[in-house]
């Protein structure tokens, strides 16, 4: 990733803080109540009154980028602080994206900046799955971003992205819960599993909170473990008996899902 200009010291410091947000994700200090409380302060009037000197549909020429980034930094350190938590995060994203200071990766950095804005507003680091939620509906995300950049009326963008932040929080909470359940799952069953069963289960867990698409079939198990048909039948039956998997369907339509109840 290259800048389209020589960065100022203020921009370098800002880039460092934005990058640090991703590092802080490892610590996961997310406060659900405080973030939801911040959302309650984002009124319709806040949406309608937010106006930022955005740059329109086209990114500025390279020669103007340092000046525009200085303007962004002035807003970030002064005017942006007066906005409610979610409004500041939403405006920061579109403001930075309109300047487009990098050749690529502006969206990812913009989302990191939004996370940094939420962290500063709450007074502690947070982890939000903004990229995951945004990428799940790419068309809507980019359409709304482009519309707000062209029209310079960003009330609807703030409302949309604030909702996205709250959705990202829910995804993060579910992801953490999933990882905790995974740890409990293997603590409970680890010594009862053979190497094939453990390999298949870990492959299923890699699919994340949405689970193994369509459920695990016997042929999937054979492909993962290289087991014979007879061994596959025994292994899967044992996993159901252990409470590791739930079985649905019959014969060719038999599928297996992780059973995390009680974990």
Protein backbone atom coordinates (compact mmCIF):
# COMPACT_ATOMS: atom_id res chain seq x y z
CA UNK A 1 0.00 0.00 0.00
CA UNK A 2 1.42 3.39 -0.98
CA UNK A 3 0.33 6.88 -0.12
CA UNK A 4 -0.52 9.20 -2.97
CA UNK A 5 1.63 11.86 -1.32
CA UNK A 6 4.26 12.35 1.39
CA UNK A 7 2.44 11.96 4.73
CA UNK A 8 2.62 14.61 7.41
CA UNK A 9 3.57 13.77 11.00
CA UNK A 10 -0.07 14.18 12.05
CA UNK A 11 -1.18 11.73 9.37
CA UNK A 12 1.54 9.27 10.35
CA UNK A 13 0.37 9.42 13.98
CA UNK A 14 -3.22 8.92 12.89
CA UNK A 15 -2.27 5.93 10.76
CA UNK A 16 -0.48 4.45 13.77
CA UNK A 17 -3.55 4.86 15.98
CA UNK A 18 -5.84 3.34 13.34
CA UNK A 19 -3.51 0.37 12.92
CA UNK A 20 -3.36 -0.03 16.69
CA UNK A 21 -7.11 -0.59 16.71
CA UNK A 22 -6.59 -3.90 14.91
CA UNK A 23 -3.95 -4.90 17.47
CA UNK A 24 -6.33 -4.09 20.31
CA UNK A 25 -8.81 -6.53 18.82
CA UNK A 26 -6.72 -9.28 20.37
CA UNK A 27 -7.62 -8.02 23.84
CA UNK A 28 -11.38 -7.81 23.20
CA UNK A 29 -12.73 -5.29 25.67
CA UNK A 30 -16.17 -4.72 24.20
CA UNK A 31 -18.79 -3.06 26.39
CA UNK A 32 -22.23 -3.82 24.97
CA UNK A 33 -24.25 -1.62 27.30
CA UNK A 34 -22.19 1.51 26.71
CA UNK A 35 -22.34 1.18 22.93
CA UNK A 36 -26.07 0.61 22.89
CA UNK A 37 -26.43 3.58 25.23
CA UNK A 38 -24.47 5.71 22.80
CA UNK A 39 -26.84 4.67 20.02
CA UNK A 40 -29.78 5.93 22.04
CA UNK A 41 -28.33 9.45 21.87
CA UNK A 42 -28.23 9.42 18.05
CA UNK A 43 -31.49 11.19 17.22
CA UNK A 44 -33.11 12.04 13.91
CA UNK A 45 -31.99 15.62 14.46
CA UNK A 46 -28.39 14.41 14.74
CA UNK A 47 -28.76 12.66 11.38
CA UNK A 48 -30.17 15.69 9.63
CA UNK A 49 -27.81 18.23 11.12
CA UNK A 50 -24.56 16.40 10.33
CA UNK A 51 -22.81 18.07 7.43
CA UNK A 52 -19.19 17.52 6.50
CA UNK A 53 -17.18 19.15 3.74
CA UNK A 54 -17.00 16.01 1.65
CA UNK A 55 -15.28 16.02 -1.69
CA UNK A 56 -17.93 14.59 -4.01
CA UNK A 57 -17.79 11.47 -6.17
CA UNK A 58 -14.21 11.96 -7.34
CA UNK A 59 -11.16 11.69 -5.10
CA UNK A 60 -9.04 14.87 -4.98
CA UNK A 61 -5.85 15.16 -7.03
CA UNK A 62 -2.70 13.93 -5.30
CA UNK A 63 -1.47 17.48 -4.76
CA UNK A 64 -4.56 18.27 -2.69
CA UNK A 65 -4.49 15.14 -0.52
CA UNK A 66 -2.18 16.54 2.21
CA UNK A 67 -4.40 19.61 2.57
CA UNK A 68 -7.56 17.50 2.71
CA UNK A 69 -6.02 15.15 5.27
CA UNK A 70 -5.08 18.12 7.42
CA UNK A 71 -8.71 19.20 7.24
CA UNK A 72 -9.78 15.70 8.22
CA UNK A 73 -7.37 15.70 11.15
CA UNK A 74 -8.67 19.08 12.33
CA UNK A 75 -12.22 17.70 12.24
CA UNK A 76 -11.15 14.47 13.96
CA UNK A 77 -9.42 16.23 16.84
CA UNK A 78 -11.95 19.02 17.28
CA UNK A 79 -15.37 19.07 15.64
CA UNK A 80 -15.74 15.30 15.40
CA UNK A 81 -15.50 14.93 19.17
CA UNK A 82 -18.79 16.79 19.60
CA UNK A 83 -20.77 14.13 17.70
CA UNK A 84 -22.42 11.12 19.35
CA UNK A 85 -20.36 7.94 19.28
CA UNK A 86 -21.97 6.25 16.27
CA UNK A 87 -22.30 9.47 14.29
CA UNK A 88 -18.61 10.24 14.70
CA UNK A 89 -17.63 6.74 13.57
CA UNK A 90 -19.94 6.95 10.54
CA UNK A 91 -18.82 10.41 9.45
CA UNK A 92 -15.14 9.58 9.95
CA UNK A 93 -15.47 6.63 7.58
CA UNK A 94 -17.07 8.54 4.73
CA UNK A 95 -14.90 11.64 5.28
CA UNK A 96 -11.68 9.61 5.05
CA UNK A 97 -12.98 7.56 2.13
CA UNK A 98 -13.85 10.70 0.16
CA UNK A 99 -10.24 11.88 0.42
CA UNK A 100 -9.00 8.45 -0.74
CA UNK A 101 -5.37 9.04 0.29
CA UNK A 102 -4.12 5.53 -0.57
CA UNK A 103 -3.97 3.70 -3.87
CA UNK A 104 -5.86 0.80 -2.31
CA UNK A 105 -7.15 -0.32 1.07
CA UNK A 106 -9.04 2.90 1.82
CA UNK A 107 -12.18 1.01 2.80
CA UNK A 108 -10.36 -1.25 5.23
CA UNK A 109 -8.54 1.68 6.80
CA UNK A 110 -11.79 3.65 6.93
CA UNK A 111 -13.43 0.85 8.89
CA UNK A 112 -10.42 0.71 11.24
CA UNK A 113 -10.82 4.46 11.77
CA UNK A 114 -14.49 3.93 12.60
CA UNK A 115 -13.52 1.34 15.20
CA UNK A 116 -10.98 3.78 16.62
CA UNK A 117 -13.71 6.44 16.83
CA UNK A 118 -15.95 4.08 18.79
CA UNK A 119 -13.05 3.14 21.07
CA UNK A 120 -12.27 6.77 21.82
CA UNK A 121 -15.91 7.62 22.46
CA UNK A 122 -16.29 4.74 24.90
CA UNK A 123 -12.93 5.33 26.53
CA UNK A 124 -11.71 1.78 25.97
CA UNK A 125 -10.69 -0.46 23.07
CA UNK A 126 -13.41 -2.41 21.27
CA UNK A 127 -13.61 -5.16 18.72
CA UNK A 128 -16.18 -4.88 15.93
CA UNK A 129 -16.65 -7.15 12.92
CA UNK A 130 -17.24 -4.18 10.62
CA UNK A 131 -15.53 -5.67 7.60
CA UNK A 132 -17.40 -8.96 7.93
CA UNK A 133 -20.79 -7.27 8.20
CA UNK A 134 -20.07 -4.77 5.42
CA UNK A 135 -18.77 -7.46 3.07
CA UNK A 136 -21.88 -9.57 3.71
CA UNK A 137 -23.91 -6.94 1.81
CA UNK A 138 -21.28 -5.31 -0.39
CA UNK A 139 -23.71 -3.84 -2.90
CA UNK A 140 -25.76 -1.97 -0.31
CA UNK A 141 -22.62 -0.80 1.48
CA UNK A 142 -20.96 0.63 -1.64
CA UNK A 143 -24.20 2.00 -3.09
CA UNK A 144 -24.93 3.96 0.08
CA UNK A 145 -21.34 5.14 0.33
CA UNK A 146 -21.36 6.38 -3.26
CA UNK A 147 -24.75 8.08 -2.87
CA UNK A 148 -23.65 9.94 0.25
CA UNK A 149 -20.40 11.04 -1.41
CA UNK A 150 -22.26 12.38 -4.45
CA UNK A 151 -25.14 14.08 -2.66
CA UNK A 152 -23.18 15.39 0.37
CA UNK A 153 -26.34 14.64 2.40
CA UNK A 154 -25.13 11.97 4.74
CA UNK A 155 -27.95 11.61 7.24
CA UNK A 156 -29.12 8.33 5.68
CA UNK A 157 -25.51 7.09 5.57
CA UNK A 158 -25.06 7.82 9.29
CA UNK A 159 -28.25 5.93 10.08
CA UNK A 160 -27.22 2.97 7.89
CA UNK A 161 -23.64 2.76 9.17
CA UNK A 162 -24.67 3.20 12.81
CA UNK A 163 -26.93 0.17 12.37
CA UNK A 164 -24.01 -1.67 10.75
CA UNK A 165 -21.82 -0.91 13.77
CA UNK A 166 -24.42 -2.37 16.12
CA UNK A 167 -24.78 -5.44 13.90
CA UNK A 168 -20.98 -5.80 13.89
CA UNK A 169 -21.04 -5.72 17.67
CA UNK A 170 -23.58 -8.56 17.75
CA UNK A 171 -21.47 -10.61 15.32
CA UNK A 172 -18.40 -10.03 17.49
CA UNK A 173 -20.23 -11.14 20.60
CA UNK A 174 -21.50 -14.28 18.85
CA UNK A 175 -17.98 -15.01 17.57
CA UNK A 176 -16.49 -14.77 21.05
CA UNK A 177 -19.26 -16.97 22.45
CA UNK A 178 -18.56 -19.47 19.66
CA UNK A 179 -14.85 -19.59 20.53
CA UNK A 180 -15.62 -20.10 24.22
CA UNK A 181 -17.99 -22.94 23.37
CA UNK A 182 -15.34 -24.46 21.11
CA UNK A 183 -12.86 -24.50 24.01
CA UNK A 184 -15.42 -26.11 26.32
CA UNK A 185 -16.35 -28.60 23.57
CA UNK A 186 -12.81 -29.97 23.25
CA UNK A 187 -12.21 -29.84 27.00
CA UNK A 188 -15.24 -32.08 27.43
CA UNK A 189 -14.62 -34.49 24.56
CA UNK A 190 -10.93 -34.28 23.76
CA UNK A 191 -9.81 -37.53 25.41
CA UNK A 192 -12.71 -39.46 23.84
CA UNK A 193 -11.88 -38.53 20.24
CA UNK A 194 -9.64 -40.38 17.84
CA UNK A 195 -7.40 -38.42 15.46
CA UNK A 196 -9.87 -38.72 12.55
CA UNK A 197 -12.78 -37.45 14.59
CA UNK A 198 -10.77 -34.54 15.97
CA UNK A 199 -9.60 -33.58 12.48
CA UNK A 200 -13.15 -33.55 11.11
CA UNK A 201 -14.52 -31.59 14.06
CA UNK A 202 -11.79 -28.96 13.81
CA UNK A 203 -12.56 -28.64 10.10
CA UNK A 204 -16.22 -28.01 10.98
CA UNK A 205 -15.28 -25.40 13.56
CA UNK A 206 -13.24 -23.53 10.94
CA UNK A 207 -16.51 -22.66 9.22
CA UNK A 208 -17.26 -20.34 12.14
CA UNK A 209 -20.54 -19.27 13.67
CA UNK A 210 -22.59 -20.05 10.53
CA UNK A 211 -21.60 -23.70 10.66
CA UNK A 212 -20.69 -26.25 7.99
CA UNK A 213 -22.72 -25.31 4.91
CA UNK A 214 -25.57 -27.78 4.46
CA UNK A 215 -24.26 -29.99 7.26
CA UNK A 216 -21.49 -32.57 7.21
CA UNK A 217 -22.22 -35.65 5.09
CA UNK A 218 -20.55 -39.05 5.29
CA UNK A 219 -18.75 -38.30 2.03
CA UNK A 220 -17.48 -35.03 3.51
CA UNK A 221 -16.13 -36.97 6.50
CA UNK A 222 -14.38 -39.45 4.21
CA UNK A 223 -12.86 -36.63 2.17
CA UNK A 224 -11.54 -34.88 5.28
CA UNK A 225 -10.22 -37.95 7.10
CA UNK A 226 -9.49 -40.39 4.23
CA UNK A 227 -11.37 -43.02 6.22
CA UNK A 228 -13.11 -46.04 4.69
CA UNK A 229 -16.90 -46.18 4.47
CA UNK A 230 -17.17 -48.60 7.39
CA UNK A 231 -14.84 -46.51 9.58
CA UNK A 232 -16.76 -43.36 8.68
CA UNK A 233 -20.05 -44.95 9.77
CA UNK A 234 -18.55 -46.01 13.12
CA UNK A 235 -16.85 -42.66 13.75
CA UNK A 236 -19.96 -40.61 13.02
CA UNK A 237 -22.19 -42.85 15.13
CA UNK A 238 -19.73 -42.50 18.02
CA UNK A 239 -19.69 -38.71 17.67
CA UNK A 240 -23.47 -38.61 17.86
CA UNK A 241 -23.38 -40.87 20.94
CA UNK A 242 -20.79 -38.59 22.56
CA UNK A 243 -23.00 -35.56 21.97
CA UNK A 244 -20.46 -33.95 19.63
CA UNK A 245 -22.75 -34.01 16.57
CA UNK A 246 -26.47 -33.83 15.89
CA UNK A 247 -27.83 -36.04 13.12
CA UNK A 248 -30.65 -35.04 10.78
CA UNK A 249 -32.13 -36.77 7.73
CA UNK A 250 -31.87 -40.36 6.57
CA UNK A 251 -29.71 -42.36 4.17
CA UNK A 252 -28.22 -40.17 1.43
CA UNK A 253 -29.76 -37.11 3.04
CA UNK A 254 -28.15 -37.70 6.44
CA UNK A 255 -26.27 -34.64 7.68
CA UNK A 256 -24.40 -33.78 10.85
CA UNK A 257 -24.03 -30.47 12.69
CA UNK A 258 -21.95 -29.54 15.71
CA UNK A 259 -23.84 -29.94 18.97
CA UNK A 260 -22.76 -27.03 21.18
CA UNK A 261 -25.63 -27.23 23.64
CA UNK A 262 -24.27 -27.23 27.15
CA UNK A 263 -20.83 -26.02 26.08
